[in-house]
Amino acid sequence: MSESTATCIDILIAIILPPLGVFLKFGCKVEFWLCLLLIFFGYVSGLFYALYAITK
């Protein structure tokens, strides 16, 4: 599987459940906990952060 296909799948997972997408990419590090915290404040903020974290 190529890198672009893996990134595309990660983005699709992040749209459905943003903390899961970040967890699959980074594990249980600061990025995951920040995304989870942002989800509690609002789905859109967590979604934007997850997409940013995965694509950076």
PDB file of N, CA and C in Angstrom:
ATOM      1  N   MET A   1       0.851  -1.167   0.000  1.00  0.00           N
ATOM      2  CA  MET A   1       0.000   0.000   0.000  1.00  0.00           C
ATOM      3  C   MET A   1       0.902   1.236   0.000  1.00  0.00           C
ATOM      4  N   SER A   2       0.607   2.168  -0.867  1.00  0.00           N
ATOM      5  CA  SER A   2       1.455   3.348  -0.980  1.00  0.00           C
ATOM      6  C   SER A   2       1.154   4.348   0.135  1.00  0.00           C
ATOM      7  N   GLU A   3       2.042   5.309   0.270  1.00  0.00           N
ATOM      8  CA  GLU A   3       1.899   6.324   1.329  1.00  0.00           C
ATOM      9  C   GLU A   3       0.655   7.181   1.122  1.00  0.00           C
ATOM     10  N   SER A   4       0.336   7.516  -0.112  1.00  0.00           N
ATOM     11  CA  SER A   4      -0.846   8.356  -0.360  1.00  0.00           C
ATOM     12  C   SER A   4      -2.140   7.603  -0.050  1.00  0.00           C
ATOM     13  N   THR A   5      -2.162   6.294  -0.292  1.00  0.00           N
ATOM     14  CA  THR A   5      -3.343   5.502   0.042  1.00  0.00           C
ATOM     15  C   THR A   5      -3.525   5.422   1.552  1.00  0.00           C
ATOM     16  N   ALA A   6      -2.427   5.242   2.272  1.00  0.00           N
ATOM     17  CA  ALA A   6      -2.505   5.185   3.733  1.00  0.00           C
ATOM     18  C   ALA A   6      -2.980   6.511   4.299  1.00  0.00           C
ATOM     19  N   THR A   7      -2.497   7.621   3.751  1.00  0.00           N
ATOM     20  CA  THR A   7      -2.930   8.936   4.213  1.00  0.00           C
ATOM     21  C   THR A   7      -4.403   9.154   3.911  1.00  0.00           C
ATOM     22  N   CYS A   8      -4.859   8.716   2.769  1.00  0.00           N
ATOM     23  CA  CYS A   8      -6.274   8.850   2.403  1.00  0.00           C
ATOM     24  C   CYS A   8      -7.156   8.060   3.370  1.00  0.00           C
ATOM     25  N   ILE A   9      -6.755   6.864   3.719  1.00  0.00           N
ATOM     26  CA  ILE A   9      -7.522   6.046   4.661  1.00  0.00           C
ATOM     27  C   ILE A   9      -7.502   6.698   6.045  1.00  0.00           C
ATOM     28  N   ASP A  10      -6.351   7.237   6.454  1.00  0.00           N
ATOM     29  CA  ASP A  10      -6.265   7.932   7.741  1.00  0.00           C
ATOM     30  C   ASP A  10      -7.195   9.140   7.783  1.00  0.00           C
ATOM     31  N   ILE A  11      -7.292   9.870   6.694  1.00  0.00           N
ATOM     32  CA  ILE A  11      -8.170  11.040   6.632  1.00  0.00           C
ATOM     33  C   ILE A  11      -9.631  10.617   6.710  1.00  0.00           C
ATOM     34  N   LEU A  12      -9.990   9.556   6.027  1.00  0.00           N
ATOM     35  CA  LEU A  12     -11.377   9.074   6.097  1.00  0.00           C
ATOM     36  C   LEU A  12     -11.744   8.625   7.508  1.00  0.00           C
ATOM     37  N   ILE A  13     -10.835   7.949   8.180  1.00  0.00           N
ATOM     38  CA  ILE A  13     -11.088   7.536   9.560  1.00  0.00           C
ATOM     39  C   ILE A  13     -11.197   8.761  10.463  1.00  0.00           C
ATOM     40  N   ALA A  14     -10.364   9.771  10.219  1.00  0.00           N
ATOM     41  CA  ALA A  14     -10.393  10.982  11.038  1.00  0.00           C
ATOM     42  C   ALA A  14     -11.682  11.766  10.846  1.00  0.00           C
ATOM     43  N   ILE A  15     -12.275  11.715   9.681  1.00  0.00           N
ATOM     44  CA  ILE A  15     -13.544  12.406   9.463  1.00  0.00           C
ATOM     45  C   ILE A  15     -14.654  11.723  10.250  1.00  0.00           C
ATOM     46  N   ILE A  16     -14.629  10.405  10.297  1.00  0.00           N
ATOM     47  CA  ILE A  16     -15.664   9.660  11.017  1.00  0.00           C
ATOM     48  C   ILE A  16     -15.463   9.792  12.529  1.00  0.00           C
ATOM     49  N   LEU A  17     -14.252   9.559  13.005  1.00  0.00           N
ATOM     50  CA  LEU A  17     -13.953   9.623  14.432  1.00  0.00           C
ATOM     51  C   LEU A  17     -12.541  10.195  14.607  1.00  0.00           C
ATOM     52  N   PRO A  18     -12.430  11.504  14.755  1.00  0.00           N
ATOM     53  CA  PRO A  18     -11.116  12.162  14.756  1.00  0.00           C
ATOM     54  C   PRO A  18     -10.096  11.604  15.752  1.00  0.00           C
ATOM     55  N   PRO A  19     -10.453  11.326  17.012  1.00  0.00           N
ATOM     56  CA  PRO A  19      -9.411  10.794  17.910  1.00  0.00           C
ATOM     57  C   PRO A  19      -8.858   9.440  17.461  1.00  0.00           C
ATOM     58  N   LEU A  20      -9.682   8.625  16.828  1.00  0.00           N
ATOM     59  CA  LEU A  20      -9.201   7.330  16.348  1.00  0.00           C
ATOM     60  C   LEU A  20      -8.174   7.510  15.236  1.00  0.00           C
ATOM     61  N   GLY A  21      -8.434   8.434  14.333  1.00  0.00           N
ATOM     62  CA  GLY A  21      -7.472   8.697  13.259  1.00  0.00           C
ATOM     63  C   GLY A  21      -6.134   9.165  13.791  1.00  0.00           C
ATOM     64  N   VAL A  22      -6.171  10.046  14.781  1.00  0.00           N
ATOM     65  CA  VAL A  22      -4.932  10.541  15.384  1.00  0.00           C
ATOM     66  C   VAL A  22      -4.247   9.428  16.175  1.00  0.00           C
ATOM     67  N   PHE A  23      -5.019   8.608  16.862  1.00  0.00           N
ATOM     68  CA  PHE A  23      -4.445   7.497  17.626  1.00  0.00           C
ATOM     69  C   PHE A  23      -3.740   6.501  16.701  1.00  0.00           C
ATOM     70  N   LEU A  24      -4.337   6.195  15.569  1.00  0.00           N
ATOM     71  CA  LEU A  24      -3.716   5.249  14.639  1.00  0.00           C
ATOM     72  C   LEU A  24      -2.432   5.804  14.040  1.00  0.00           C
ATOM     73  N   LYS A  25      -2.344   7.109  13.921  1.00  0.00           N
ATOM     74  CA  LYS A  25      -1.152   7.732  13.345  1.00  0.00           C
ATOM     75  C   LYS A  25      -0.037   7.930  14.380  1.00  0.00           C
ATOM     76  N   PHE A  26      -0.388   8.387  15.604  1.00  0.00           N
ATOM     77  CA  PHE A  26       0.609   8.773  16.590  1.00  0.00           C
ATOM     78  C   PHE A  26       0.644   7.893  17.830  1.00  0.00           C
ATOM     79  N   GLY A  27      -0.383   7.103  18.074  1.00  0.00           N
ATOM     80  CA  GLY A  27      -0.450   6.341  19.310  1.00  0.00           C
ATOM     81  C   GLY A  27      -1.017   7.206  20.420  1.00  0.00           C
ATOM     82  N   CYS A  28      -0.749   6.824  21.640  1.00  0.00           N
ATOM     83  CA  CYS A  28      -1.317   7.522  22.799  1.00  0.00           C
ATOM     84  C   CYS A  28      -0.370   8.619  23.277  1.00  0.00           C
ATOM     85  N   LYS A  29      -0.089   9.565  22.397  1.00  0.00           N
ATOM     86  CA  LYS A  29       0.808  10.678  22.722  1.00  0.00           C
ATOM     87  C   LYS A  29      -0.007  11.947  22.897  1.00  0.00           C
ATOM     88  N   VAL A  30       0.667  13.067  22.964  1.00  0.00           N
ATOM     89  CA  VAL A  30       0.032  14.359  23.207  1.00  0.00           C
ATOM     90  C   VAL A  30      -0.983  14.701  22.118  1.00  0.00           C
ATOM     91  N   GLU A  31      -0.696  14.336  20.878  1.00  0.00           N
ATOM     92  CA  GLU A  31      -1.604  14.652  19.781  1.00  0.00           C
ATOM     93  C   GLU A  31      -2.976  14.020  19.986  1.00  0.00           C
ATOM     94  N   PHE A  32      -2.998  12.778  20.453  1.00  0.00           N
ATOM     95  CA  PHE A  32      -4.260  12.088  20.700  1.00  0.00           C
ATOM     96  C   PHE A  32      -5.055  12.771  21.801  1.00  0.00           C
ATOM     97  N   TRP A  33      -4.409  13.087  22.917  1.00  0.00           N
ATOM     98  CA  TRP A  33      -5.106  13.692  24.048  1.00  0.00           C
ATOM     99  C   TRP A  33      -5.604  15.092  23.697  1.00  0.00           C
ATOM    100  N   LEU A  34      -4.831  15.827  22.916  1.00  0.00           N
ATOM    101  CA  LEU A  34      -5.279  17.156  22.487  1.00  0.00           C
ATOM    102  C   LEU A  34      -6.496  17.052  21.586  1.00  0.00           C
ATOM    103  N   CYS A  35      -6.490  16.100  20.688  1.00  0.00           N
ATOM    104  CA  CYS A  35      -7.641  15.896  19.809  1.00  0.00           C
ATOM    105  C   CYS A  35      -8.873  15.487  20.607  1.00  0.00           C
ATOM    106  N   LEU A  36      -8.697  14.628  21.580  1.00  0.00           N
ATOM    107  CA  LEU A  36      -9.807  14.201  22.423  1.00  0.00           C
ATOM    108  C   LEU A  36     -10.376  15.378  23.213  1.00  0.00           C
ATOM    109  N   LEU A  37      -9.506  16.220  23.725  1.00  0.00           N
ATOM    110  CA  LEU A  37      -9.949  17.408  24.449  1.00  0.00           C
ATOM    111  C   LEU A  37     -10.709  18.363  23.527  1.00  0.00           C
ATOM    112  N   LEU A  38     -10.218  18.547  22.324  1.00  0.00           N
ATOM    113  CA  LEU A  38     -10.903  19.429  21.371  1.00  0.00           C
ATOM    114  C   LEU A  38     -12.260  18.866  20.951  1.00  0.00           C
ATOM    115  N   ILE A  39     -12.399  17.548  20.897  1.00  0.00           N
ATOM    116  CA  ILE A  39     -13.684  16.933  20.570  1.00  0.00           C
ATOM    117  C   ILE A  39     -14.715  17.270  21.641  1.00  0.00           C
ATOM    118  N   PHE A  40     -14.287  17.330  22.904  1.00  0.00           N
ATOM    119  CA  PHE A  40     -15.219  17.683  23.976  1.00  0.00           C
ATOM    120  C   PHE A  40     -15.708  19.118  23.850  1.00  0.00           C
ATOM    121  N   PHE A  41     -14.873  19.993  23.293  1.00  0.00           N
ATOM    122  CA  PHE A  41     -15.278  21.389  23.099  1.00  0.00           C
ATOM    123  C   PHE A  41     -16.125  21.575  21.849  1.00  0.00           C
ATOM    124  N   GLY A  42     -16.032  20.672  20.922  1.00  0.00           N
ATOM    125  CA  GLY A  42     -16.814  20.754  19.694  1.00  0.00           C
ATOM    126  C   GLY A  42     -16.234  19.841  18.646  1.00  0.00           C
ATOM    127  N   TYR A  43     -17.096  19.174  17.918  1.00  0.00           N
ATOM    128  CA  TYR A  43     -16.654  18.190  16.934  1.00  0.00           C
ATOM    129  C   TYR A  43     -15.790  18.832  15.847  1.00  0.00           C
ATOM    130  N   VAL A  44     -16.177  20.020  15.409  1.00  0.00           N
ATOM    131  CA  VAL A  44     -15.477  20.658  14.293  1.00  0.00           C
ATOM    132  C   VAL A  44     -14.041  21.011  14.671  1.00  0.00           C
ATOM    133  N   SER A  45     -13.827  21.505  15.878  1.00  0.00           N
ATOM    134  CA  SER A  45     -12.467  21.848  16.282  1.00  0.00           C
ATOM    135  C   SER A  45     -11.581  20.604  16.348  1.00  0.00           C
ATOM    136  N   GLY A  46     -12.104  19.516  16.861  1.00  0.00           N
ATOM    137  CA  GLY A  46     -11.352  18.268  16.893  1.00  0.00           C
ATOM    138  C   GLY A  46     -11.096  17.710  15.511  1.00  0.00           C
ATOM    139  N   LEU A  47     -12.075  17.872  14.633  1.00  0.00           N
ATOM    140  CA  LEU A  47     -11.919  17.402  13.254  1.00  0.00           C
ATOM    141  C   LEU A  47     -10.820  18.172  12.535  1.00  0.00           C
ATOM    142  N   PHE A  48     -10.831  19.496  12.659  1.00  0.00           N
ATOM    143  CA  PHE A  48      -9.795  20.303  12.010  1.00  0.00           C
ATOM    144  C   PHE A  48      -8.413  19.962  12.548  1.00  0.00           C
ATOM    145  N   TYR A  49      -8.302  19.775  13.855  1.00  0.00           N
ATOM    146  CA  TYR A  49      -7.004  19.426  14.421  1.00  0.00           C
ATOM    147  C   TYR A  49      -6.543  18.049  13.935  1.00  0.00           C
ATOM    148  N   ALA A  50      -7.447  17.091  13.886  1.00  0.00           N
ATOM    149  CA  ALA A  50      -7.083  15.746  13.432  1.00  0.00           C
ATOM    150  C   ALA A  50      -6.601  15.767  11.989  1.00  0.00           C
ATOM    151  N   LEU A  51      -7.299  16.497  11.142  1.00  0.00           N
ATOM    152  CA  LEU A  51      -6.867  16.593   9.743  1.00  0.00           C
ATOM    153  C   LEU A  51      -5.523  17.284   9.624  1.00  0.00           C
ATOM    154  N   TYR A  52      -5.319  18.319  10.421  1.00  0.00           N
ATOM    155  CA  TYR A  52      -4.031  19.008  10.413  1.00  0.00           C
ATOM    156  C   TYR A  52      -2.918  18.076  10.899  1.00  0.00           C
ATOM    157  N   ALA A  53      -3.135  17.373  11.984  1.00  0.00           N
ATOM    158  CA  ALA A  53      -2.116  16.504  12.562  1.00  0.00           C
ATOM    159  C   ALA A  53      -1.755  15.357  11.611  1.00  0.00           C
ATOM    160  N   ILE A  54      -2.739  14.824  10.922  1.00  0.00           N
ATOM    161  CA  ILE A  54      -2.475  13.698  10.027  1.00  0.00           C
ATOM    162  C   ILE A  54      -1.749  14.145   8.759  1.00  0.00           C
ATOM    163  N   THR A  55      -2.096  15.308   8.240  1.00  0.00           N
ATOM    164  CA  THR A  55      -1.513  15.733   6.967  1.00  0.00           C
ATOM    165  C   THR A  55      -0.227  16.541   7.091  1.00  0.00           C
ATOM    166  N   LYS A  56       0.149  16.968   8.296  1.00  0.00           N
ATOM    167  CA  LYS A  56       1.363  17.787   8.418  1.00  0.00           C
ATOM    168  C   LYS A  56       2.623  17.014   8.205  1.00  0.00           C
TER     169      LYS A  56
END
